Protein backbone atom coordinates (compact mmCIF):
# COMPACT_ATOMS: atom_id res chain seq x y z
CA MET A 1 61.89 -19.83 -14.51
CA THR A 2 64.59 -22.53 -14.32
CA GLN A 3 64.13 -24.58 -17.49
CA ILE A 4 67.22 -26.73 -18.11
CA PHE A 5 66.99 -30.04 -16.22
CA ASP A 6 65.97 -33.68 -16.60
CA ASN A 7 64.59 -34.40 -13.14
CA PRO A 8 64.11 -31.40 -10.80
CA ALA A 9 65.01 -33.61 -7.83
CA ASP A 10 68.48 -34.15 -9.31
CA PHE A 11 69.07 -30.51 -10.25
CA ALA A 12 71.45 -29.58 -7.42
CA ASP A 13 73.65 -32.68 -7.71
CA GLU A 14 73.84 -32.54 -11.50
CA ALA A 15 74.61 -28.82 -11.50
CA LEU A 16 77.41 -29.40 -9.00
CA ASP A 17 78.81 -32.26 -11.09
CA GLY A 18 78.83 -30.00 -14.13
CA PHE A 19 80.46 -27.18 -12.20
CA VAL A 20 83.28 -29.52 -11.17
CA ALA A 21 83.69 -30.79 -14.74
CA ALA A 22 84.11 -27.19 -15.91
CA ASN A 23 86.57 -26.26 -13.14
CA ARG A 24 88.78 -29.28 -12.46
CA GLY A 25 91.81 -27.02 -12.15
CA TYR A 26 90.23 -25.52 -9.03
CA VAL A 27 87.95 -28.09 -7.40
CA ALA A 28 87.29 -31.79 -6.99
CA ARG A 29 84.02 -33.47 -6.05
CA VAL A 30 83.66 -35.14 -2.67
CA ASP A 31 80.63 -36.59 -0.95
CA GLY A 32 78.73 -33.52 0.17
CA GLY A 33 80.43 -30.78 -1.83
CA VAL A 34 83.77 -29.75 -3.30
CA VAL A 35 87.35 -29.26 -2.09
CA ARG A 36 90.36 -27.62 -3.70
CA SER A 37 92.02 -29.78 -6.33
CA THR A 38 95.34 -28.03 -5.70
CA GLU A 39 97.77 -28.54 -2.85
CA VAL A 40 97.06 -26.93 0.51
CA PRO A 41 100.17 -26.35 2.66
CA ALA A 42 100.42 -28.64 5.66
CA GLY A 43 99.27 -26.91 8.84
CA GLN A 44 97.13 -24.32 7.06
CA VAL A 45 93.71 -23.50 8.50
CA ALA A 46 90.94 -24.95 6.34
CA LEU A 47 88.10 -22.51 5.68
CA VAL A 48 84.98 -24.56 4.95
CA VAL A 49 81.97 -22.57 3.75
CA GLY A 50 78.62 -23.73 2.50
CA GLY A 51 74.87 -23.76 2.48
CA GLY A 52 72.09 -24.62 0.07
CA SER A 53 72.49 -24.71 -3.69
CA GLY A 54 71.02 -22.04 -5.93
CA HIS A 55 73.29 -19.17 -4.87
CA TYR A 56 76.21 -19.44 -7.34
CA PRO A 57 78.91 -18.16 -7.17
CA ALA A 58 78.27 -18.90 -3.51
CA PHE A 59 79.35 -21.29 -2.30
CA ALA A 60 81.31 -23.70 -4.51
CA GLY A 61 82.48 -20.93 -6.84
CA LEU A 62 84.47 -19.38 -3.97
CA VAL A 63 86.73 -22.40 -3.40
CA GLY A 64 90.35 -21.82 -4.32
CA PRO A 65 93.66 -20.34 -3.08
CA GLY A 66 93.17 -17.18 -1.05
CA LEU A 67 89.56 -17.95 -0.30
CA ALA A 68 87.73 -21.13 0.79
CA THR A 69 89.36 -24.54 1.10
CA ALA A 70 86.09 -26.39 0.56
CA SER A 71 82.34 -25.94 0.31
CA ALA A 72 79.56 -28.15 1.65
CA CYS A 73 76.65 -27.99 -0.78
CA GLY A 74 73.07 -28.82 0.17
CA ASN A 75 70.00 -29.23 -2.00
CA MET A 76 68.22 -26.21 -3.48
CA PHE A 77 67.99 -23.60 -0.70
CA ALA A 78 68.49 -26.38 1.89
CA SER A 79 71.31 -26.82 4.37
CA PRO A 80 73.79 -29.59 3.69
CA ALA A 81 73.29 -32.46 6.13
CA ALA A 82 75.67 -32.76 9.06
CA GLY A 83 77.29 -35.84 7.54
CA GLN A 84 78.00 -33.95 4.34
CA VAL A 85 79.60 -31.05 6.23
CA TYR A 86 81.65 -33.50 8.29
CA ARG A 87 82.96 -35.36 5.25
CA VAL A 88 83.81 -32.18 3.35
CA ALA A 89 85.58 -30.64 6.37
CA LYS A 90 87.52 -33.83 7.04
CA ALA A 91 88.67 -33.88 3.42
CA ALA A 92 89.69 -30.21 3.64
CA ASN A 93 91.59 -30.47 6.92
CA ALA A 94 95.31 -29.83 6.43
CA GLY A 95 96.31 -30.07 10.08
CA GLY A 96 95.77 -26.46 11.10
CA GLY A 97 92.19 -26.82 12.24
CA VAL A 98 88.91 -26.00 10.50
CA LEU A 99 86.90 -22.77 10.45
CA LEU A 100 83.28 -23.25 9.41
CA SER A 101 81.55 -20.13 8.11
CA TYR A 102 78.04 -19.79 6.70
CA GLY A 103 74.89 -17.69 6.85
CA ASN A 104 72.90 -17.59 10.08
CA TYR A 105 69.97 -19.86 9.18
CA ALA A 106 68.45 -22.39 11.58
CA GLY A 107 69.06 -25.47 9.42
CA ASP A 108 72.65 -24.52 8.67
CA VAL A 109 73.36 -23.76 12.33
CA LEU A 110 72.08 -27.17 13.42
CA HIS A 111 73.78 -29.26 10.74
CA PHE A 112 77.10 -27.42 10.67
CA GLY A 113 76.98 -27.42 14.47
CA GLN A 114 76.51 -31.16 14.57
CA ALA A 115 79.45 -31.63 12.22
CA GLN A 116 81.57 -29.33 14.41
CA LEU A 117 80.85 -31.42 17.51
CA ARG A 118 81.87 -34.58 15.68
CA LEU A 119 85.06 -33.06 14.25
CA ASN A 120 86.13 -31.73 17.64
CA ALA A 121 85.39 -35.10 19.25
CA GLU A 122 87.75 -36.69 16.72
CA GLY A 123 90.54 -34.26 17.54
CA ILE A 124 90.12 -31.89 14.56
CA GLU A 125 89.88 -28.48 16.18
CA THR A 126 86.91 -26.75 14.61
CA ARG A 127 85.39 -23.29 15.13
CA THR A 128 82.40 -21.48 13.62
CA VAL A 129 81.78 -17.89 12.53
CA LEU A 130 78.21 -17.10 11.48
CA VAL A 131 77.54 -14.38 8.93
CA THR A 132 74.89 -11.93 10.18
CA ASP A 133 75.00 -8.97 7.80
CA ASP A 134 71.33 -8.48 6.80
CA ILE A 135 70.10 -5.36 8.60
CA ALA A 136 66.47 -6.04 7.61
CA SER A 137 66.25 -9.31 9.56
CA ALA A 138 66.79 -7.98 13.11
CA PRO A 139 67.59 -4.67 14.84
CA LEU A 140 71.17 -3.69 15.61
CA GLU A 141 70.85 -4.61 19.28
CA GLN A 142 70.02 -8.17 18.16
CA ILE A 143 72.75 -8.43 15.54
CA GLU A 144 73.39 -12.06 16.49
CA LYS A 145 69.89 -12.93 15.17
CA ARG A 146 70.46 -11.41 11.75
CA ARG A 147 70.71 -13.72 8.74
CA GLY A 148 73.56 -13.85 6.28
CA ILE A 149 73.22 -12.64 2.69
CA ALA A 150 75.86 -11.11 0.39
CA GLY A 151 78.08 -10.29 3.38
CA ASP A 152 79.18 -13.93 3.15
CA LEU A 153 81.76 -12.77 0.62
CA THR A 154 83.53 -10.26 2.87
CA VAL A 155 83.81 -12.73 5.77
CA PHE A 156 84.95 -15.60 3.55
CA LYS A 157 87.47 -13.43 1.69
CA VAL A 158 89.18 -12.03 4.78
CA ALA A 159 89.23 -15.38 6.56
CA GLY A 160 90.50 -17.19 3.47
CA ALA A 161 93.30 -14.68 2.93
CA ALA A 162 94.32 -14.90 6.59
CA ALA A 163 94.45 -18.69 6.36
CA GLU A 164 96.48 -18.43 3.14
CA ALA A 165 98.93 -16.14 4.97
CA GLY A 166 99.54 -18.88 7.55
CA LEU A 167 97.71 -17.36 10.51
CA THR A 168 96.58 -19.63 13.33
CA LEU A 169 93.01 -20.81 13.78
CA ASN A 170 92.57 -18.34 16.66
CA ASP A 171 93.70 -15.44 14.48
CA VAL A 172 91.66 -16.46 11.44
CA GLU A 173 88.58 -16.82 13.63
CA GLU A 174 89.10 -13.39 15.21
CA LEU A 175 89.46 -11.71 11.82
CA ALA A 176 86.32 -13.42 10.53
CA ILE A 177 84.35 -12.28 13.60
CA ARG A 178 85.62 -8.73 13.19
CA THR A 179 84.77 -8.70 9.48
CA ASN A 180 81.27 -9.96 10.15
CA TYR A 181 80.66 -7.28 12.77
CA ARG A 182 81.81 -4.56 10.36
CA THR A 183 79.66 -5.82 7.45
CA ARG A 184 76.14 -4.58 6.69
CA SER A 185 73.82 -5.52 3.79
CA LEU A 186 70.35 -4.66 2.53
CA GLY A 187 68.53 -6.15 -0.45
CA VAL A 188 65.56 -5.44 -2.66
CA ALA A 189 63.54 -7.61 -5.03
CA PHE A 190 61.38 -6.85 -8.04
CA GLU A 191 60.12 -10.43 -8.43
CA GLY A 192 60.61 -13.78 -6.67
CA CYS A 193 62.62 -16.79 -7.80
CA THR A 194 61.35 -20.13 -9.11
CA LEU A 195 62.66 -23.50 -7.96
CA PRO A 196 63.50 -26.08 -10.65
CA GLY A 197 60.31 -27.84 -11.73
CA ALA A 198 58.01 -25.26 -10.14
CA SER A 199 55.56 -23.31 -12.28
CA GLU A 200 55.35 -20.23 -10.06
CA PRO A 201 57.86 -18.09 -8.15
CA LEU A 202 58.11 -18.50 -4.38
CA PHE A 203 56.58 -15.03 -4.08
CA HIS A 204 55.34 -12.25 -6.35
CA VAL A 205 55.97 -8.53 -6.05
CA PRO A 206 52.96 -6.47 -7.16
CA ALA A 207 53.39 -4.57 -10.40
CA GLY A 208 55.00 -1.20 -9.88
CA GLN A 209 56.28 -2.18 -6.43
CA MET A 210 59.63 -3.16 -4.91
CA SER A 211 60.11 -5.54 -1.95
CA LEU A 212 62.64 -4.30 0.63
CA GLY A 213 64.65 -6.60 2.91
CA LEU A 214 64.37 -9.88 1.02
CA GLY A 215 66.27 -13.08 1.92
CA ILE A 216 68.32 -15.24 -0.43
CA HIS A 217 66.17 -18.38 -0.06
CA GLY A 218 63.11 -17.02 -1.76
CA GLU A 219 61.89 -15.22 1.36
CA PRO A 220 59.90 -12.10 0.48
CA GLY A 221 60.91 -8.74 1.85
CA ILE A 222 59.68 -7.12 5.04
CA SER A 223 57.86 -4.27 3.28
CA GLU A 224 56.79 -3.12 -0.16
CA HIS A 225 57.44 0.29 -1.68
CA PRO A 226 56.60 2.03 -4.96
CA MET A 227 59.24 1.26 -7.58
CA PRO A 228 61.96 3.92 -7.18
CA THR A 229 64.23 5.52 -9.70
CA ALA A 230 67.87 4.40 -9.69
CA SER A 231 68.87 7.52 -7.75
CA GLU A 232 66.13 6.94 -5.19
CA LEU A 233 67.12 3.29 -4.79
CA ALA A 234 70.77 4.24 -4.27
CA GLU A 235 69.76 6.80 -1.64
CA LEU A 236 67.54 4.26 0.15
CA LEU A 237 70.20 1.55 0.34
CA VAL A 238 73.07 3.85 1.33
CA SER A 239 71.14 5.78 3.96
CA ARG A 240 69.83 2.61 5.65
CA LEU A 241 73.30 1.05 5.83
CA LEU A 242 75.03 4.20 7.05
CA ALA A 243 72.44 4.51 9.82
CA ASP A 244 73.40 0.99 10.97
CA LYS A 245 77.19 1.34 10.82
CA PRO A 246 79.38 -0.36 13.46
CA HIS A 247 80.40 1.63 16.52
CA ASP A 248 84.07 1.64 15.52
CA ALA A 249 83.51 2.47 11.84
CA GLY A 250 86.27 4.32 10.04
CA ASP A 251 86.06 6.19 6.74
CA ARG A 252 87.26 3.43 4.37
CA VAL A 253 84.67 0.96 3.07
CA VAL A 254 84.31 -1.88 0.62
CA ALA A 255 81.10 -1.48 -1.39
CA ILE A 256 79.54 -4.53 -3.07
CA VAL A 257 76.56 -4.25 -5.40
CA ASN A 258 75.32 -7.81 -5.79
CA GLY A 259 72.88 -9.05 -8.41
CA LEU A 260 70.51 -11.76 -7.24
CA GLY A 261 69.91 -13.49 -10.56
CA THR A 262 68.29 -11.59 -13.39
CA VAL A 263 69.24 -7.93 -12.97
CA LYS A 264 71.64 -7.20 -15.82
CA TYR A 265 75.21 -6.06 -15.25
CA ASP A 266 74.52 -2.78 -17.05
CA GLU A 267 71.83 -1.99 -14.46
CA LEU A 268 74.14 -2.98 -11.60
CA PHE A 269 76.89 -0.73 -12.94
CA LEU A 270 74.48 2.18 -13.33
CA LEU A 271 73.37 1.77 -9.72
CA PHE A 272 76.92 1.38 -8.43
CA GLY A 273 77.92 4.72 -9.97
CA LYS A 274 75.20 6.49 -8.02
CA ILE A 275 76.02 4.61 -4.80
CA GLU A 276 79.70 5.51 -5.03
CA LYS A 277 78.89 9.21 -5.36
CA LEU A 278 76.70 9.06 -2.25
CA LEU A 279 79.39 7.28 -0.24
CA VAL A 280 82.02 9.83 -1.25
CA ALA A 281 79.63 12.65 -0.37
CA ALA A 282 79.27 11.05 3.07
CA GLY A 283 83.05 11.36 3.59
CA LEU A 284 83.90 7.73 2.83
CA THR A 285 86.65 6.31 0.63
CA VAL A 286 85.55 3.29 -1.44
CA VAL A 287 88.26 0.61 -1.50
CA GLU A 288 88.43 -2.22 -4.05
CA PRO A 289 84.67 -2.51 -4.65
CA GLU A 290 82.82 -5.36 -6.36
CA CYS A 291 79.85 -5.16 -8.71
CA GLY A 292 78.25 -8.26 -10.17
CA GLU A 293 76.64 -11.58 -9.25
CA LEU A 294 78.31 -12.89 -6.08
CA VAL A 295 75.53 -14.40 -3.92
CA THR A 296 72.45 -15.10 -6.01
CA SER A 297 69.00 -16.64 -5.52
CA LEU A 298 68.36 -18.64 -8.71
CA ASP A 299 66.46 -16.33 -11.08
CA MET A 300 65.35 -13.74 -8.54
CA SER A 301 65.01 -10.25 -9.90
CA GLY A 302 66.74 -8.19 -7.24
CA LEU A 303 69.98 -6.87 -5.84
CA SER A 304 71.70 -5.94 -2.60
CA LEU A 305 74.24 -3.47 -1.32
CA THR A 306 76.91 -4.55 1.16
CA LEU A 307 79.33 -2.26 3.02
CA LEU A 308 82.38 -3.47 4.93
CA TRP A 309 84.04 -0.84 7.15
CA LEU A 310 87.77 -1.54 7.00
CA ASP A 311 90.65 -1.22 9.39
CA ASP A 312 94.28 -1.61 8.27
CA GLU A 313 94.35 -5.35 8.87
CA LEU A 314 91.01 -6.08 7.21
CA GLU A 315 91.99 -3.95 4.23
CA ARG A 316 95.19 -5.97 3.79
CA TYR A 317 93.34 -9.27 3.70
CA TRP A 318 90.44 -7.98 1.60
CA GLY A 319 92.96 -6.85 -1.01
CA ALA A 320 95.07 -10.03 -0.88
CA PRO A 321 95.18 -12.24 -3.99
CA ALA A 322 92.57 -14.94 -4.52
CA ASP A 323 91.99 -17.37 -7.37
CA THR A 324 88.71 -19.28 -7.53
CA PRO A 325 86.33 -20.21 -10.34
CA ALA A 326 84.17 -17.14 -9.68
CA PHE A 327 86.32 -14.65 -7.76
CA ARG A 328 89.83 -13.59 -8.78
CA LYS A 329 91.97 -10.83 -7.37
CA GLY A 330 95.70 -10.19 -7.84
CA ASN A 331 98.12 -12.97 -8.78
CA LEU A 332 98.81 -16.06 -6.70
CA GLY A 333 100.68 -18.03 -9.35
CA PRO A 334 100.04 -21.64 -10.35
CA ARG A 335 99.38 -24.34 -7.74
CA ARG A 336 100.30 -27.98 -8.07
CA PRO A 337 97.52 -30.56 -8.12
CA ARG A 338 97.28 -32.69 -5.01
CA GLN A 339 99.51 -35.71 -5.40
CA GLN A 340 97.38 -38.19 -3.47
CA ALA A 341 93.69 -38.98 -3.69
CA LEU A 342 91.78 -36.02 -2.32
CA VAL A 343 89.59 -38.04 -0.06
CA GLU A 344 89.81 -41.67 0.82
CA THR A 345 86.48 -43.39 0.97
CA ALA A 346 84.99 -43.61 4.43
CA GLU A 347 85.64 -47.33 4.43
CA ALA A 348 89.32 -46.88 3.62
CA ALA A 349 89.90 -43.83 5.77
CA ASP A 350 88.23 -45.22 8.87
CA VAL A 351 89.10 -48.92 8.85
CA GLU A 352 88.18 -50.20 12.28
CA HIS A 353 89.38 -53.20 14.23
CA PRO A 354 86.88 -53.47 17.05
CA THR A 355 87.87 -55.11 20.29
CA ALA A 356 85.80 -58.08 21.45
CA ALA A 357 84.15 -55.90 24.09
CA ALA A 358 83.42 -53.10 21.63
CA ALA A 359 81.96 -55.52 19.07
CA VAL A 360 79.58 -56.99 21.67
CA LEU A 361 78.53 -53.47 22.67
CA GLY A 362 78.04 -52.64 18.98
CA LEU A 363 75.62 -55.55 18.62
CA ARG A 364 73.77 -54.40 21.72
CA ALA A 365 73.57 -50.83 20.35
CA ALA A 366 72.07 -52.09 17.08
CA ALA A 367 69.50 -54.14 19.00
CA ILE A 368 68.56 -51.13 21.13
CA LEU A 369 68.07 -49.02 18.00
CA GLY A 370 65.68 -51.70 16.77
CA GLN A 371 63.65 -51.23 19.93
CA VAL A 372 63.69 -47.46 19.39
CA ARG A 373 62.29 -47.99 15.90
CA ASP A 374 59.55 -50.25 17.21
CA VAL A 375 58.30 -47.75 19.78
CA VAL A 376 58.42 -44.88 17.28
CA VAL A 377 56.42 -46.89 14.75
CA GLU A 378 53.85 -47.79 17.42
CA HIS A 379 53.33 -44.12 18.36
CA GLU A 380 53.98 -42.42 15.00
CA ASP A 381 50.39 -41.27 14.44
CA GLU A 382 49.96 -40.18 18.05
CA LEU A 383 53.13 -38.08 17.91
CA GLY A 384 51.98 -36.50 14.65
CA ARG A 385 48.60 -35.54 16.10
CA LEU A 386 50.26 -34.04 19.17
CA ASP A 387 52.65 -32.04 17.01
CA ALA A 388 49.81 -30.75 14.84
CA ILE A 389 48.22 -28.93 17.79
CA ALA A 390 50.76 -26.11 17.61
CA GLY A 391 53.22 -27.26 14.95
CA ASP A 392 53.30 -28.74 11.47
CA GLY A 393 52.37 -32.29 12.47
CA ASP A 394 55.47 -33.97 11.09
CA HIS A 395 57.16 -35.11 14.32
CA GLY A 396 55.95 -38.69 14.08
CA ILE A 397 56.84 -39.19 10.44
CA GLY A 398 60.15 -37.36 10.88
CA MET A 399 61.14 -39.60 13.78
CA ARG A 400 60.06 -42.64 11.75
CA ARG A 401 62.20 -41.63 8.76
CA GLY A 402 65.18 -40.95 10.97
CA VAL A 403 65.09 -44.11 13.05
CA ASP A 404 64.39 -46.34 10.02
CA ALA A 405 67.55 -45.01 8.39
CA ALA A 406 69.49 -45.34 11.65
CA VAL A 407 68.54 -48.99 12.10
CA THR A 408 69.49 -49.81 8.51
CA ALA A 409 72.89 -48.14 8.96
CA ALA A 410 73.48 -49.91 12.27
CA GLU A 411 72.62 -53.28 10.78
CA GLN A 412 75.02 -52.69 7.90
CA ALA A 413 77.78 -51.75 10.36
CA VAL A 414 77.46 -54.86 12.53
CA ALA A 415 77.36 -57.04 9.40
CA LEU A 416 80.94 -56.06 8.53
CA ASP A 417 83.61 -58.73 8.89
CA GLY A 418 84.74 -58.60 12.50
CA GLY A 419 81.66 -56.60 13.49
CA ALA A 420 81.72 -52.99 14.58
CA SER A 421 82.25 -51.09 17.79
CA ALA A 422 79.48 -49.14 19.45
CA ALA A 423 81.24 -46.00 18.21
CA ARG A 424 81.07 -47.17 14.60
CA VAL A 425 77.49 -48.41 14.92
CA LEU A 426 76.14 -45.27 16.58
CA THR A 427 78.11 -42.90 14.36
CA ALA A 428 76.69 -44.55 11.24
CA ALA A 429 73.22 -44.59 12.78
CA GLY A 430 73.34 -40.96 13.90
CA GLU A 431 74.59 -39.74 10.54
CA ALA A 432 71.85 -41.66 8.74
CA TRP A 433 69.22 -40.36 11.17
CA SER A 434 70.24 -36.77 10.58
CA GLU A 435 70.41 -37.03 6.80
CA ARG A 436 67.12 -38.91 6.40
CA ALA A 437 64.94 -37.20 9.00
CA GLY A 438 66.05 -33.65 8.25
CA GLY A 439 64.79 -30.69 10.23
CA THR A 440 65.63 -29.73 13.78
CA SER A 441 64.65 -33.05 15.30
CA GLY A 442 66.77 -35.01 12.85
CA ALA A 443 69.84 -32.88 13.47
CA LEU A 444 69.47 -33.09 17.24
CA TRP A 445 68.86 -36.83 17.44
CA GLY A 446 71.60 -37.56 14.92
CA SER A 447 74.08 -35.43 16.80
CA ALA A 448 73.20 -37.00 20.14
CA VAL A 449 73.46 -40.59 18.89
CA ILE A 450 76.85 -39.85 17.35
CA ALA A 451 78.05 -38.16 20.55
CA ALA A 452 77.03 -41.17 22.62
CA GLY A 453 78.90 -43.46 20.24
CA LEU A 454 82.06 -41.37 20.34
CA ALA A 455 81.92 -41.39 24.14
CA LEU A 456 81.84 -45.20 24.12
CA GLY A 457 84.63 -45.53 21.59
CA ASN A 458 86.46 -48.79 20.79
CA ARG A 459 87.95 -49.95 24.10
CA GLU A 460 89.32 -53.15 25.53
CA ASP A 461 86.82 -53.07 28.39
CA TYR A 462 83.88 -51.06 29.65
CA SER A 463 82.38 -50.13 32.98
CA GLY A 464 79.23 -48.44 34.18
CA ALA A 465 81.09 -45.14 34.12
CA ASP A 466 81.18 -45.43 30.31
CA ALA A 467 77.38 -45.67 30.27
CA ALA A 468 77.14 -42.51 32.36
CA ALA A 469 79.59 -40.79 30.01
CA ALA A 470 77.48 -41.79 26.98
CA VAL A 471 74.29 -40.49 28.60
CA THR A 472 76.01 -37.21 29.42
CA ALA A 473 77.46 -36.88 25.91
CA PHE A 474 74.01 -37.53 24.41
CA ALA A 475 72.42 -34.81 26.53
CA ASP A 476 75.24 -32.32 26.06
CA ALA A 477 75.10 -32.65 22.27
CA ILE A 478 71.42 -31.71 22.23
CA THR A 479 71.70 -28.80 24.64
CA GLU A 480 74.82 -27.39 22.97
CA LEU A 481 73.39 -27.68 19.48
CA GLY A 482 69.75 -26.79 20.09
CA LYS A 483 70.39 -24.10 22.74
CA ALA A 484 67.08 -24.93 24.46
CA GLU A 485 66.81 -24.62 28.24
CA PRO A 486 64.50 -26.18 30.84
CA GLY A 487 61.08 -24.57 30.62
CA ASP A 488 61.27 -23.87 26.86
CA LYS A 489 58.84 -26.75 26.26
CA THR A 490 61.11 -28.94 24.18
CA MET A 491 62.68 -32.38 24.40
CA VAL A 492 65.19 -30.86 26.82
CA ASP A 493 62.51 -30.72 29.52
CA ALA A 494 62.51 -34.54 29.61
CA LEU A 495 66.15 -35.03 28.61
CA LEU A 496 67.81 -33.20 31.50
CA PRO A 497 65.78 -34.92 34.26
CA PHE A 498 66.67 -38.21 32.57
CA LYS A 499 70.37 -37.42 32.54
CA ASP A 500 70.47 -36.01 36.07
CA THR A 501 68.52 -38.94 37.51
CA PHE A 502 70.67 -41.50 35.71
CA VAL A 503 73.97 -39.97 36.85
CA THR A 504 72.77 -39.47 40.42
CA ALA A 505 71.41 -43.02 40.73
CA PHE A 506 74.55 -44.51 39.26
CA ASP A 507 76.78 -42.44 41.52
CA ASP A 508 74.70 -43.66 44.47
CA GLY A 509 75.49 -47.27 43.61
CA ALA A 510 72.70 -48.34 41.26
CA SER A 511 73.48 -50.67 38.36
CA VAL A 512 73.21 -49.33 34.83
CA ALA A 513 69.82 -51.04 34.50
CA GLY A 514 68.57 -49.66 37.80
CA ALA A 515 69.76 -46.15 37.01
CA LEU A 516 68.15 -46.38 33.58
CA ALA A 517 64.79 -47.44 35.05
CA GLU A 518 64.80 -44.51 37.47
CA ALA A 519 65.85 -42.10 34.74
CA ALA A 520 63.16 -43.30 32.32
CA ALA A 521 60.49 -42.79 34.97
CA ALA A 522 61.78 -39.25 35.61
CA ALA A 523 61.69 -38.52 31.87
CA GLN A 524 58.08 -39.73 31.64
CA THR A 525 56.94 -37.48 34.49
CA ALA A 526 58.82 -34.48 33.11
CA ALA A 527 57.43 -35.04 29.60
CA GLU A 528 53.87 -35.09 30.90
CA ASP A 529 54.53 -31.92 32.88
CA THR A 530 55.38 -30.02 29.69
CA ALA A 531 51.60 -29.72 29.17
CA LYS A 532 51.75 -26.90 31.73
CA LEU A 533 54.33 -24.93 29.76
CA ARG A 534 54.18 -22.39 26.95
CA PRO A 535 56.70 -23.05 24.17
CA LEU A 536 59.61 -20.61 24.04
CA LYS A 537 61.50 -22.33 21.22
CA GLY A 538 60.66 -23.93 17.90
CA ARG A 539 57.74 -23.66 15.52
CA ALA A 540 55.15 -23.99 18.30
CA ARG A 541 56.27 -20.70 19.87
CA PRO A 542 53.92 -18.43 17.82
CA LEU A 543 50.98 -20.67 18.84
CA ALA A 544 51.80 -20.83 22.53
CA GLU A 545 48.22 -20.63 23.77
CA LYS A 546 47.10 -23.55 21.61
CA SER A 547 49.96 -25.60 23.03
CA LEU A 548 48.91 -25.10 26.66
CA GLY A 549 47.39 -28.26 28.11
CA HIS A 550 49.19 -30.52 25.66
CA ALA A 551 52.57 -32.13 26.24
CA ASP A 552 55.52 -31.39 23.95
CA PRO A 553 55.82 -34.09 21.25
CA GLY A 554 59.62 -34.09 21.40
CA ALA A 555 59.60 -34.64 25.15
CA ILE A 556 56.97 -37.37 24.84
CA SER A 557 58.85 -39.25 22.11
CA PHE A 558 62.04 -39.10 24.17
CA ALA A 559 60.23 -40.47 27.23
CA LEU A 560 58.66 -43.28 25.19
CA ILE A 561 62.05 -44.24 23.79
CA THR A 562 63.84 -44.29 27.15
CA ALA A 563 61.03 -46.36 28.69
CA ARG A 564 61.29 -48.90 25.86
CA ILE A 565 65.09 -49.14 26.16
CA SER A 566 64.80 -49.68 29.91
CA ALA A 567 62.15 -52.38 29.48
CA HIS A 568 64.18 -54.10 26.76
CA LEU A 569 67.37 -54.27 28.81
CA ASN A 570 65.58 -55.49 31.91
CA THR A 571 63.75 -58.14 29.85
CA GLU A 572 66.89 -59.27 28.07
CA HIS A 573 68.93 -59.18 31.29
CA PRO A 574 66.62 -59.64 34.31
CA ASP A 575 69.70 -59.87 36.50
CA THR A 576 70.62 -56.19 36.48
CA ALA A 577 74.25 -57.02 37.11
CA GLU A 578 74.32 -58.62 33.67
CA ILE A 579 73.84 -55.32 31.92
CA ASP A 580 76.49 -53.45 33.81
CA PHE A 581 78.90 -52.28 31.12
CA ALA A 582 81.59 -54.43 32.68
CA SER A 583 79.77 -57.39 31.12
CA ALA A 584 80.61 -55.98 27.70
CA ASN A 585 84.10 -57.36 28.21
CA PRO A 586 83.23 -61.06 28.27
CA GLY A 587 85.51 -64.04 28.26
CA PRO A 588 85.50 -66.33 25.19
CA ALA A 589 82.79 -68.57 26.67
CA GLN A 590 80.46 -65.63 27.19
CA GLN A 591 80.83 -63.87 23.85
CA GLY A 592 78.48 -66.05 21.85
CA ALA A 593 75.78 -66.07 24.50
CA GLN A 594 75.82 -62.31 25.00
CA ALA A 595 75.91 -61.54 21.28
């Protein structure tokens, strides 16, 4: 049980603050995580890792020369929010691009993915390599669906060493992908872990049993087995991994025995000795192994075995020096502290001088978000009931939390001296939406709002084509991040008809208001038609039959929102020509009236 804390809700933040205080020679605190406190050569690729807290040394303990440049740190076992990842990556960027790498978990994929879209939109080239080493979580033919556990270390180490050597983003990415493909892990647990403040572990293992195939977020294993002897456990782990080896495996491997929290080092060493003998007997040479706590799960009683099959290039980078608070290899020599402030505050780093047109559009964007909040509040209970049919019933409250935060952020942005552009307003709103709403819906809506804002930018004048670009950017962000397709019974089933109708109507000569009215009607029809579909994505998928005959709550909420925006604009500007984006570039006499 985790016992040392004041308030369990503050555990992750306070632990991270203490970690930084104990390791100032390596790391500095930034909003959302940590970055190196030592100089990073200009033009070097920044490796940004991360995930939930509770896994030390992963992830913050692996920040330092020869390994990660920064780590985004979420709450206990929870993905960092997209805004946190974005801020950490921006602080880490040294001009050579950013490689994001993290375990393949749905929340991390959404939030890191949202941050990646935003970084790329701002001109910071950003790539992602997911870690998928856990052989218990999916069969070999579905390796892309596997989750990441202790194999994080091999991918991070090779990528970090390649970045330290000055390789390009393309080359660092390729090496990380190759390392991930050649890495396999399997874990066991003897008892579950306990979150700070909780009185019971997240799961129990029956006395005399062992759970095989556990996750690192308190997920139980996939099967239970009688407690083996050390020799039997070594045989089980080695045989399962060797049966799953990559197609191009050689005969040189890195072996990592990883303790998950409470298994003592003496026990880990005992097990490693037996594992090494089995690997040698199988004709393999063990190269620079590791044995200890590397990716933990709070106080879980358990361990894992990871094998990385090397080639000459991977072996060179695995063996390269590294110097971090928790992982040290070779000798890199001292590094100078960064001379300037590590991270300017967002206000200082992103000082904006909105044009008159952009400021007017920013005011309009804030007003539209207010309308979005109103319609969500009106239908919050209805959306929750609809979601509860085949989901967890939180869609209404999640949308409410997200849009409340978005409106507050937008209002704060437009209250700045000189106002704010639509890009600033929608970026602040989208970031707040994502961080407050959480979950899949929060990440998707936050990402889409930010993408629309970035498409609008801070320009001297606007036209209807900018509205079409914003609609397209909004839709693309959701489809790229969520990976849903038409027919999956998600928001996308209403979103794509909306986008296609809007763009077609506008291209055919309709005003922005006219195109929006047509598109909102198409979204409403499409949302209602989702009642005929079985869900192929999301939490409703296992309860597909219960969902039949009921519309998708995400599609319905989207349709309600677009209808309200259309009605608001047509009420505020009954002359549809008035809401053509060209009117966002008013003369001095018009500015006050339009604002």
